[in-house]
Each structure stands twice: as structure tokens, then as C-alpha cells.
Amino acid sequence: LAQVAGALAGKERYTKRTLRERADETRAKLAGAWSIDPGPDHPELDTYLLTHGTTSFTPVAGADHARLVAERAEEALRAADEQALREWLIGRLPAAIAQAWTRLFDWVNEVNAKMKSASASSGVGVAVRVSVKAELPALVRTVYELACKTGAVWLDADARAKAGRALHQLINAADADDMTARVRDAVDVREWVDVTYQVTRPGEEPKNWGSRTGLSSGERRLVVLAPMLAAVAAAYGKFAPTAARLAALDEVPSEVDEEGREGLARYIAQLDLDLIATSHQWDGAPGAWDGCDAYDFESAPDRTVVAFPMLIRGLDLLPGDTVR
């Protein structure tokens, strides 16, 4: 006690009441992990005994033991996190990348099949060509070769481990704030490809579209619109099926000839899009073949938008369609 009194000389002191209140607060915070009970009785000094599991400690020894337990817990957590990350990188992420790669090209094939209906009377149409970039970063190239080209399900243990190491480095190098964003940026397969528009003509090989491609104004408008509408439709894939699938155009493609407009209307219907445009001189109404009618919108004094029906086409069939 004399040593304690000497060590406390000149230090701030607390009353026994304050000490007991602090002990009660600490007991409540540590409940379930530690227990705090009164220690051996001394006339002028309150003592406490800490118990962790079945072992009792003095407050000072208990603090040392708590630090040791925390360090061991952190090491175990790091080991568990590394194991979980390793299993995810090697087992699940390559398969997810392979699935995304397959879905990307399934979408391209589906869109190209639909765009065949959106062609001008001259037969000019458009197709989307997707190819792997010639110069991929080394780590991305490794993941592509293993997960996409070979296929995740066909990888042996060594190849899966190699893909996992490459993915780990890509994720660590990604510039994002949280893990979800880093993974998304690291394995976005859309960034691994080049997209080219190709103009198709009957009896000719597809040619890459560019500023010098010989097209009429209507054909050029069709070549631009068809892939753009496909991209708009694809963007709605992340929303619920009940979401409004709207495609807004400043004007309808009046330069496209009648057959081309009918092809675009059929194409828009296949994409399940509702077209909104500032003009409605598309043989009556844009998208009317898909049940989208023409309305004139005006602003009321209270800023309410009022729609006046201009042409109600309903669900008429496209020219050339047959009743099913």
C-alpha cells in the first residue's frame, strides 16, 4: 500500500463512489467476454478481479491479456479473409467472368439478328462486331486467356491459381474507394473489347463503317440509330421488368425511306422500347406499330403537362407481318 501511495502522489484521485461507477460501466461494456468482480477486501482500497474464460487477472494483467487476445483475433481474421478471398478469386470470380463474357457475345448475336429487320429498301443494314483488343494489359490478358478463351470450367488447379493471382493484382491495382467498385473496375469485360459498326449489303462482305463509307442520308441515319437503340435497350436490363423502357429522339428518322422506317419500327418492337420524339411524322406516329401512339404535349398554367391525342394507332401489325 505504501508503494501505491507513493506512485499516486501528486496524481488526480477519484472517490470510491466514482471508482465503483466506472467499474459498473466497464462491467456492462465487457459483459459476455469478461467478468469484473470485487477482489480481496482492503480497508482503504477497493480491488477488482477480472476473469476471462476460466482465468482470473488483476486489472493490469487483464489489460495485457486483452491486447494479446485482440492480436490473435486480428491474425485469425486476416487468415480467414485471405482464405475466403483466395477461394473466391480461384473458384467463383473466374466463372463469373466467363459467364459475363458469354452473355456479352450472346447479346451481340441477338442484337445483330434483330437489326437484320432494320434495313433500308436498298438492303443496306448494320451489324455490330465485337473483338478482343489487340493490346490488353498483361494481367488482363492472362485472365482473358484463362477465364474467357479457355473457359473457367476447364481450368486445372494450376491454371485456376494463376488466374486467381492475376485477379488479385488487378483488384489491388484498381482505383476505387471500396472493394465492390474495385472488383467491378478490375473485371469489366466490356473494357476488354473493341466495338465496330459494320455496314452490310446484299451479296457483299460486311465493311467497317466510317466517315468515308458511301451511304445516303437515310441509310446513314439508319446505321447510326439501330446500334444506338440496342444500347438503350441493353441499359434497361439492370432495371426491373416494370420499368419504362423509353428511347428519346429529337426527331423521327424522316430521312429513312418508308421500308426502312417500317424496319426500324419492327426493330423497336423487338427491343421492347417505347419511342418518344419531338415530331410524329413517321407514317403517323413513331413506334405506333408497337402500341405507342402520338400525343401533343402542352404545359398548363400550373406546370402540369397535358397530353392531347393526335393519332391513336393501337396494336396494328407491321406491314408484312401475319396474324398469329
Protein backbone atom coordinates (compact mmCIF):
# COMPACT_ATOMS: atom_id res chain seq x y z
CA LEU A 1 0.00 0.00 0.00
CA ALA A 2 2.88 2.34 0.75
CA GLN A 3 4.23 1.79 -2.76
CA VAL A 4 0.80 2.52 -4.25
CA ALA A 5 0.50 5.68 -2.19
CA GLY A 6 3.92 6.83 -3.38
CA ALA A 7 3.07 6.16 -7.02
CA LEU A 8 -0.18 8.12 -6.66
CA ALA A 9 1.43 11.13 -5.03
CA GLY A 10 0.51 14.25 -6.96
CA LYS A 11 -1.87 12.35 -9.25
CA GLU A 12 -5.56 13.08 -9.73
CA ARG A 13 -7.63 10.91 -7.47
CA TYR A 14 -11.17 9.63 -7.62
CA THR A 15 -13.57 8.93 -4.82
CA LYS A 16 -14.63 5.36 -4.13
CA ARG A 17 -18.06 6.22 -5.45
CA THR A 18 -16.63 7.35 -8.81
CA LEU A 19 -14.44 4.25 -8.98
CA ARG A 20 -17.40 1.95 -8.39
CA GLU A 21 -19.47 3.77 -11.01
CA ARG A 22 -16.64 3.33 -13.53
CA ALA A 23 -16.42 -0.36 -12.61
CA ASP A 24 -20.16 -0.78 -13.23
CA GLU A 25 -19.86 0.92 -16.64
CA THR A 26 -16.91 -1.27 -17.61
CA ARG A 27 -18.71 -4.42 -16.41
CA ALA A 28 -21.65 -3.60 -18.69
CA LYS A 29 -19.40 -2.96 -21.72
CA LEU A 30 -17.44 -6.20 -21.26
CA ALA A 31 -20.43 -8.40 -20.44
CA GLY A 32 -20.23 -11.73 -22.25
CA ALA A 33 -16.46 -11.55 -22.69
CA TRP A 34 -15.06 -10.56 -19.32
CA SER A 35 -16.46 -10.54 -15.81
CA ILE A 36 -15.43 -7.95 -13.21
CA ASP A 37 -15.85 -8.84 -9.54
CA PRO A 38 -14.63 -7.27 -6.29
CA GLY A 39 -11.17 -8.50 -5.32
CA PRO A 40 -9.66 -9.12 -1.89
CA ASP A 41 -11.01 -6.69 0.69
CA HIS A 42 -8.74 -3.92 1.98
CA PRO A 43 -9.98 -1.32 4.45
CA GLU A 44 -8.78 1.70 2.47
CA LEU A 45 -8.50 0.32 -1.08
CA ASP A 46 -11.08 -1.23 -3.41
CA THR A 47 -9.69 -4.02 -5.60
CA TYR A 48 -11.16 -5.83 -8.59
CA LEU A 49 -10.60 -9.20 -10.21
CA LEU A 50 -11.09 -9.73 -13.96
CA THR A 51 -11.98 -13.14 -15.33
CA HIS A 52 -11.69 -14.19 -18.98
CA GLY A 53 -12.89 -17.72 -19.58
CA THR A 54 -11.75 -19.60 -16.53
CA THR A 55 -8.65 -17.50 -15.82
CA SER A 56 -8.58 -14.58 -13.40
CA PHE A 57 -6.39 -11.49 -13.79
CA THR A 58 -5.60 -8.32 -11.96
CA PRO A 59 -6.62 -5.20 -13.93
CA VAL A 60 -3.06 -4.66 -15.20
CA ALA A 61 -2.56 -8.32 -16.17
CA GLY A 62 -6.05 -8.33 -17.70
CA ALA A 63 -5.15 -5.39 -19.96
CA ASP A 64 -2.04 -7.24 -21.18
CA HIS A 65 -4.06 -10.39 -21.82
CA ALA A 66 -6.76 -8.42 -23.68
CA ARG A 67 -4.14 -6.98 -26.04
CA LEU A 68 -2.81 -10.48 -26.71
CA VAL A 69 -6.32 -11.81 -27.40
CA ALA A 70 -7.02 -8.90 -29.78
CA GLU A 71 -3.79 -9.52 -31.71
CA ARG A 72 -4.60 -13.23 -32.07
CA ALA A 73 -8.14 -12.40 -33.21
CA GLU A 74 -6.82 -9.98 -35.84
CA GLU A 75 -4.38 -12.60 -37.13
CA ALA A 76 -7.15 -15.20 -37.32
CA LEU A 77 -9.43 -12.74 -39.10
CA ARG A 78 -6.73 -11.87 -41.63
CA ALA A 79 -6.11 -15.55 -42.27
CA ALA A 80 -9.84 -16.20 -42.70
CA ASP A 81 -10.19 -13.20 -45.02
CA GLU A 82 -7.25 -14.34 -47.12
CA GLN A 83 -8.68 -17.85 -47.34
CA ALA A 84 -12.11 -16.53 -48.31
CA LEU A 85 -10.57 -14.16 -50.87
CA ARG A 86 -8.43 -16.97 -52.28
CA GLU A 87 -11.43 -19.30 -52.62
CA TRP A 88 -13.46 -16.52 -54.23
CA LEU A 89 -10.71 -15.46 -56.64
CA ILE A 90 -9.89 -19.01 -57.67
CA GLY A 91 -13.31 -20.63 -57.50
CA ARG A 92 -16.04 -18.09 -58.19
CA LEU A 93 -14.74 -14.95 -59.88
CA PRO A 94 -13.26 -16.65 -62.99
CA ALA A 95 -16.55 -18.46 -63.55
CA ALA A 96 -18.47 -15.18 -63.20
CA ILE A 97 -16.14 -13.52 -65.72
CA ALA A 98 -16.63 -16.40 -68.15
CA GLN A 99 -20.40 -16.07 -67.79
CA ALA A 100 -20.25 -12.30 -68.39
CA TRP A 101 -18.11 -12.90 -71.49
CA THR A 102 -20.60 -15.41 -72.86
CA ARG A 103 -23.54 -13.10 -72.15
CA LEU A 104 -21.75 -10.23 -73.92
CA PHE A 105 -21.45 -12.19 -77.15
CA ASP A 106 -24.94 -13.67 -76.78
CA TRP A 107 -26.21 -10.09 -76.66
CA VAL A 108 -24.20 -9.16 -79.76
CA ASN A 109 -25.59 -12.12 -81.69
CA GLU A 110 -29.14 -11.36 -80.54
CA VAL A 111 -28.90 -7.68 -81.49
CA ASN A 112 -27.39 -8.46 -84.89
CA ALA A 113 -30.21 -10.88 -85.60
CA LYS A 114 -32.78 -8.21 -84.70
CA MET A 115 -31.01 -5.49 -86.70
CA LYS A 116 -31.43 -7.53 -89.87
CA SER A 117 -35.06 -6.36 -89.88
CA ALA A 118 -33.91 -2.72 -89.69
CA SER A 119 -32.59 -2.28 -93.21
CA ALA A 120 -33.27 0.26 -95.93
CA SER A 121 -35.08 -0.54 -99.17
CA SER A 122 -31.63 -0.73 -100.80
CA GLY A 123 -30.79 -3.62 -98.50
CA VAL A 124 -28.21 -1.63 -96.56
CA GLY A 125 -28.10 -2.65 -92.91
CA VAL A 126 -25.76 -2.57 -89.95
CA ALA A 127 -24.16 -5.14 -87.67
CA VAL A 128 -22.07 -4.85 -84.52
CA ARG A 129 -18.70 -6.58 -84.45
CA VAL A 130 -17.00 -7.12 -81.09
CA SER A 131 -13.37 -8.24 -80.95
CA VAL A 132 -10.74 -8.56 -78.24
CA LYS A 133 -8.43 -5.57 -78.03
CA ALA A 134 -5.06 -6.23 -79.60
CA GLU A 135 -3.13 -4.70 -76.71
CA LEU A 136 -4.54 -5.84 -73.38
CA PRO A 137 -2.52 -5.28 -70.19
CA ALA A 138 -0.58 -8.42 -69.24
CA LEU A 139 -2.73 -9.26 -66.21
CA VAL A 140 -5.96 -8.69 -68.12
CA ARG A 141 -4.64 -10.83 -70.98
CA THR A 142 -3.92 -13.64 -68.50
CA VAL A 143 -7.46 -13.52 -67.10
CA TYR A 144 -8.95 -13.35 -70.60
CA GLU A 145 -6.91 -16.30 -71.89
CA LEU A 146 -7.82 -18.47 -68.90
CA ALA A 147 -11.36 -17.47 -67.92
CA CYS A 148 -12.81 -16.40 -71.27
CA LYS A 149 -10.89 -18.10 -74.06
CA THR A 150 -10.18 -21.42 -72.37
CA GLY A 151 -13.20 -21.36 -70.07
CA ALA A 152 -13.24 -21.35 -66.28
CA VAL A 153 -14.77 -24.82 -66.03
CA TRP A 154 -11.85 -26.35 -67.99
CA LEU A 155 -9.04 -24.92 -65.87
CA ASP A 156 -6.87 -27.24 -63.80
CA ALA A 157 -5.66 -26.33 -60.31
CA ASP A 158 -2.51 -24.58 -61.53
CA ALA A 159 -4.40 -22.52 -64.11
CA ARG A 160 -7.04 -21.52 -61.54
CA ALA A 161 -4.30 -20.43 -59.15
CA LYS A 162 -2.66 -18.40 -61.94
CA ALA A 163 -5.96 -16.71 -62.76
CA GLY A 164 -6.51 -16.02 -59.06
CA ARG A 165 -3.12 -14.34 -58.70
CA ALA A 166 -3.75 -12.16 -61.74
CA LEU A 167 -7.18 -11.16 -60.45
CA HIS A 168 -5.76 -10.37 -57.03
CA GLN A 169 -3.23 -7.98 -58.56
CA LEU A 170 -5.86 -6.37 -60.80
CA ILE A 171 -8.17 -5.75 -57.86
CA ASN A 172 -5.38 -4.35 -55.70
CA ALA A 173 -4.35 -2.00 -58.51
CA ALA A 174 -7.89 -0.78 -59.24
CA ASP A 175 -8.51 2.88 -58.47
CA ALA A 176 -11.69 2.79 -56.38
CA ASP A 177 -12.74 3.51 -52.81
CA ASP A 178 -14.42 0.23 -51.83
CA MET A 179 -13.92 -3.43 -52.68
CA THR A 180 -17.11 -3.71 -54.75
CA ALA A 181 -16.06 -0.86 -57.03
CA ARG A 182 -12.51 -2.18 -57.29
CA VAL A 183 -13.72 -5.62 -58.38
CA ARG A 184 -16.15 -4.07 -60.87
CA ASP A 185 -13.45 -1.89 -62.41
CA ALA A 186 -10.90 -4.70 -62.49
CA VAL A 187 -13.05 -7.27 -64.31
CA ASP A 188 -15.31 -5.16 -66.56
CA VAL A 189 -15.11 -7.31 -69.69
CA ARG A 190 -16.64 -4.50 -71.76
CA GLU A 191 -13.33 -2.66 -71.44
CA TRP A 192 -11.50 -5.63 -72.97
CA VAL A 193 -13.11 -5.38 -76.40
CA ASP A 194 -13.30 -3.07 -79.40
CA VAL A 195 -16.74 -2.40 -80.90
CA THR A 196 -17.05 -1.75 -84.63
CA TYR A 197 -20.09 -0.90 -86.73
CA GLN A 198 -20.21 -2.81 -90.00
CA VAL A 199 -22.33 -1.86 -92.98
CA THR A 200 -23.95 -4.85 -94.64
CA ARG A 201 -25.11 -5.03 -98.25
CA PRO A 202 -26.74 -7.96 -100.05
CA GLY A 203 -24.13 -10.16 -101.72
CA GLU A 204 -21.16 -8.28 -100.22
CA GLU A 205 -18.87 -8.82 -97.27
CA PRO A 206 -19.56 -6.53 -94.28
CA LYS A 207 -17.35 -3.42 -94.22
CA ASN A 208 -16.40 -1.27 -91.26
CA TRP A 209 -18.43 1.91 -91.17
CA GLY A 210 -16.60 5.23 -91.26
CA SER A 211 -16.88 8.81 -92.42
CA ARG A 212 -15.95 7.82 -95.98
CA THR A 213 -18.46 4.98 -96.29
CA GLY A 214 -20.75 5.71 -99.22
CA LEU A 215 -24.27 5.98 -97.80
CA SER A 216 -27.31 8.13 -98.45
CA SER A 217 -28.53 10.38 -95.63
CA GLY A 218 -31.35 7.95 -94.84
CA GLU A 219 -29.02 4.93 -94.83
CA ARG A 220 -26.54 6.80 -92.64
CA ARG A 221 -29.29 7.70 -90.15
CA LEU A 222 -30.40 4.07 -90.02
CA VAL A 223 -26.84 2.82 -89.46
CA VAL A 224 -26.48 5.21 -86.51
CA LEU A 225 -29.90 4.62 -84.97
CA ALA A 226 -30.04 0.82 -84.96
CA PRO A 227 -26.99 0.18 -82.69
CA MET A 228 -27.89 3.19 -80.52
CA LEU A 229 -31.36 1.82 -79.84
CA ALA A 230 -29.84 -1.57 -79.00
CA ALA A 231 -27.56 0.10 -76.45
CA VAL A 232 -30.52 1.93 -74.91
CA ALA A 233 -32.44 -1.32 -74.61
CA ALA A 234 -29.44 -3.07 -73.04
CA ALA A 235 -29.11 -0.31 -70.43
CA TYR A 236 -32.61 -1.10 -69.20
CA GLY A 237 -31.55 -4.66 -68.42
CA LYS A 238 -30.39 -3.61 -64.93
CA PHE A 239 -33.86 -2.33 -64.02
CA ALA A 240 -36.99 -4.21 -63.06
CA PRO A 241 -39.20 -5.57 -65.87
CA THR A 242 -41.83 -2.99 -64.91
CA ALA A 243 -39.50 -0.03 -65.63
CA ALA A 244 -40.48 2.25 -68.50
CA ARG A 245 -38.23 1.43 -71.46
CA LEU A 246 -38.13 4.84 -73.14
CA ALA A 247 -35.92 5.91 -76.03
CA ALA A 248 -35.96 9.66 -76.67
CA LEU A 249 -35.14 11.14 -80.09
CA ASP A 250 -35.11 14.79 -81.08
CA GLU A 251 -36.85 13.89 -84.31
CA VAL A 252 -38.05 10.75 -86.02
CA PRO A 253 -35.79 9.49 -88.84
CA SER A 254 -37.68 11.17 -91.64
CA GLU A 255 -34.70 10.73 -94.00
CA VAL A 256 -35.14 6.95 -93.87
CA ASP A 257 -37.40 5.65 -96.61
CA GLU A 258 -40.75 4.03 -95.85
CA GLU A 259 -39.43 0.47 -95.89
CA GLY A 260 -36.58 1.48 -93.61
CA ARG A 261 -38.97 3.16 -91.18
CA GLU A 262 -41.12 0.05 -91.08
CA GLY A 263 -37.98 -2.00 -90.41
CA LEU A 264 -36.99 0.34 -87.58
CA ALA A 265 -40.49 0.14 -86.14
CA ARG A 266 -40.32 -3.67 -86.15
CA TYR A 267 -36.83 -3.50 -84.63
CA ILE A 268 -38.00 -1.13 -81.86
CA ALA A 269 -40.86 -3.51 -81.12
CA GLN A 270 -38.43 -6.44 -80.86
CA LEU A 271 -36.30 -4.44 -78.41
CA ASP A 272 -39.45 -3.71 -76.38
CA LEU A 273 -38.74 0.02 -76.42
CA ASP A 274 -41.22 2.89 -76.35
CA LEU A 275 -40.03 5.71 -78.59
CA ILE A 276 -40.51 9.36 -77.66
CA ALA A 277 -39.75 12.01 -80.28
CA THR A 278 -40.44 15.71 -80.77
CA SER A 279 -42.06 15.07 -84.15
CA HIS A 280 -44.57 12.43 -85.18
CA GLN A 281 -44.43 12.35 -88.98
CA TRP A 282 -43.43 8.69 -89.13
CA ASP A 283 -46.28 7.43 -91.23
CA GLY A 284 -48.49 8.71 -88.44
CA ALA A 285 -46.68 8.07 -85.18
CA PRO A 286 -43.25 6.79 -84.12
CA GLY A 287 -43.47 3.36 -82.60
CA ALA A 288 -47.21 3.23 -83.21
CA TRP A 289 -46.78 -0.27 -84.58
CA ASP A 290 -45.76 -1.26 -81.05
CA GLY A 291 -48.80 0.37 -79.44
CA CYS A 292 -47.09 3.74 -78.91
CA ASP A 293 -49.46 6.44 -80.13
CA ALA A 294 -48.89 10.13 -80.96
CA TYR A 295 -49.74 12.81 -78.40
CA ASP A 296 -49.26 16.55 -78.35
CA PHE A 297 -47.87 17.74 -75.00
CA GLU A 298 -48.65 21.19 -73.65
CA SER A 299 -47.80 22.86 -70.37
CA ALA A 300 -50.78 24.02 -68.27
CA PRO A 301 -50.60 27.24 -66.17
CA ASP A 302 -49.96 25.17 -63.04
CA ARG A 303 -47.00 23.49 -64.82
CA THR A 304 -48.92 20.26 -65.28
CA VAL A 305 -48.19 18.56 -68.60
CA VAL A 306 -51.33 17.85 -70.58
CA ALA A 307 -51.31 15.25 -73.37
CA PHE A 308 -53.68 15.62 -76.32
CA PRO A 309 -54.08 12.50 -78.51
CA MET A 310 -53.02 13.21 -82.09
CA LEU A 311 -53.14 9.76 -83.61
CA ILE A 312 -54.12 6.53 -81.87
CA ARG A 313 -52.79 3.58 -83.83
CA GLY A 314 -53.25 0.88 -81.22
CA LEU A 315 -51.72 -2.52 -81.89
CA ASP A 316 -51.82 -2.62 -85.69
CA LEU A 317 -49.49 -5.11 -87.29
CA LEU A 318 -46.42 -4.02 -89.20
CA PRO A 319 -46.69 -4.31 -92.98
CA GLY A 320 -45.59 -7.80 -93.94
CA ASP A 321 -46.49 -9.35 -90.60
CA THR A 322 -49.03 -12.14 -90.41
CA VAL A 323 -51.69 -12.72 -87.79
CA ARG A 324 -50.62 -15.37 -85.28
